[in-house]
Protein backbone atom coordinates (compact mmCIF):
# COMPACT_ATOMS: atom_id res chain seq x y z
CA UNK A 1 0.00 0.00 0.00
CA UNK A 2 1.37 3.47 -0.85
CA UNK A 3 2.29 5.68 2.12
CA UNK A 4 -0.19 8.31 3.26
CA UNK A 5 0.94 11.74 1.93
CA UNK A 6 0.35 13.32 5.35
CA UNK A 7 2.19 10.56 7.22
CA UNK A 8 -0.97 9.55 9.08
CA UNK A 9 -1.43 5.81 9.48
CA UNK A 10 -4.62 4.66 7.81
CA UNK A 11 -6.64 1.94 9.45
CA UNK A 12 -9.41 0.54 7.28
CA UNK A 13 -12.12 -1.64 8.75
CA UNK A 14 -14.44 -3.63 6.51
CA UNK A 15 -17.77 -1.93 6.00
CA UNK A 16 -21.00 -3.80 6.70
CA UNK A 17 -22.96 -4.91 3.65
CA UNK A 18 -26.00 -2.62 3.54
CA UNK A 19 -26.86 -3.41 -0.07
CA UNK A 20 -30.19 -5.00 0.84
CA UNK A 21 -31.17 -2.40 3.40
CA UNK A 22 -32.11 0.78 1.56
CA UNK A 23 -32.76 3.89 3.63
CA UNK A 24 -32.78 6.69 1.02
CA UNK A 25 -35.79 7.43 -1.13
CA UNK A 26 -36.18 9.83 -4.03
CA UNK A 27 -39.47 11.68 -4.44
CA UNK A 28 -40.22 12.84 -7.98
CA UNK A 29 -42.75 15.15 -9.62
CA UNK A 30 -42.95 17.51 -6.65
CA UNK A 31 -44.99 20.69 -7.11
CA UNK A 32 -42.56 23.46 -8.16
CA UNK A 33 -43.48 25.70 -5.22
CA UNK A 34 -42.90 23.04 -2.53
CA UNK A 35 -39.94 24.06 -0.39
CA UNK A 36 -38.05 21.99 2.20
CA UNK A 37 -40.13 23.37 5.06
CA UNK A 38 -43.35 22.37 3.29
CA UNK A 39 -42.04 18.88 2.62
CA UNK A 40 -41.15 18.54 6.32
CA UNK A 41 -44.76 19.47 7.17
CA UNK A 42 -46.06 16.85 4.70
CA UNK A 43 -43.76 14.19 6.18
CA UNK A 44 -44.84 15.06 9.73
CA UNK A 45 -48.52 14.88 8.74
CA UNK A 46 -47.89 11.36 7.40
CA UNK A 47 -46.23 10.25 10.65
CA UNK A 48 -42.57 10.51 9.59
CA UNK A 49 -41.38 13.23 11.96
CA UNK A 50 -38.17 12.06 13.62
CA UNK A 51 -37.90 9.06 11.30
CA UNK A 52 -35.44 10.63 8.85
CA UNK A 53 -32.06 12.23 9.38
CA UNK A 54 -31.48 13.99 6.05
CA UNK A 55 -33.71 15.80 3.58
CA UNK A 56 -32.53 17.49 0.40
CA UNK A 57 -34.78 19.48 -1.93
CA UNK A 58 -32.59 20.91 -4.72
CA UNK A 59 -33.57 24.46 -5.68
CA UNK A 60 -33.21 26.32 -8.95
CA UNK A 61 -31.19 29.40 -8.05
CA UNK A 62 -32.85 31.66 -10.61
CA UNK A 63 -36.51 30.78 -10.06
CA UNK A 64 -36.34 29.80 -6.38
CA UNK A 65 -38.47 26.75 -7.19
CA UNK A 66 -37.46 23.20 -6.46
CA UNK A 67 -36.23 21.03 -9.31
CA UNK A 68 -39.11 18.58 -9.02
CA UNK A 69 -37.45 16.00 -6.81
CA UNK A 70 -36.14 15.44 -3.28
CA UNK A 71 -34.08 12.89 -1.38
CA UNK A 72 -34.96 11.66 2.09
CA UNK A 73 -32.73 9.40 4.15
CA UNK A 74 -34.61 7.47 6.81
CA UNK A 75 -32.90 6.33 10.00
CA UNK A 76 -33.60 2.68 9.27
CA UNK A 77 -34.87 0.37 6.57
CA UNK A 78 -38.26 -0.14 8.23
CA UNK A 79 -39.07 3.60 8.03
CA UNK A 80 -37.89 3.59 4.42
CA UNK A 81 -40.37 0.78 3.64
CA UNK A 82 -43.20 2.62 5.43
CA UNK A 83 -42.48 5.77 3.41
CA UNK A 84 -42.26 3.81 0.19
CA UNK A 85 -45.84 2.66 0.75
CA UNK A 86 -47.24 5.89 2.24
CA UNK A 87 -45.76 8.26 -0.35
CA UNK A 88 -46.63 6.31 -3.51
CA UNK A 89 -48.35 8.33 -6.22
């Protein structure tokens, strides 16, 4: 293995295999005027408050509108599955 350029020893531990345990969902076809705060309200009204740890709603800088999609990372696979069912079309 090549030496670390900063001289810091690198210790690598094997990562767990999470391939079958999805936690991030992508929502598509969001209304253009829906902002992150509004999506948080929608999620809370559906019982998902506190069940996710990251939410990203990309915004168009010029228009201030979202780009029509968002990503939500749930804290575990079970909440992901619940959202997958609750947020379908």
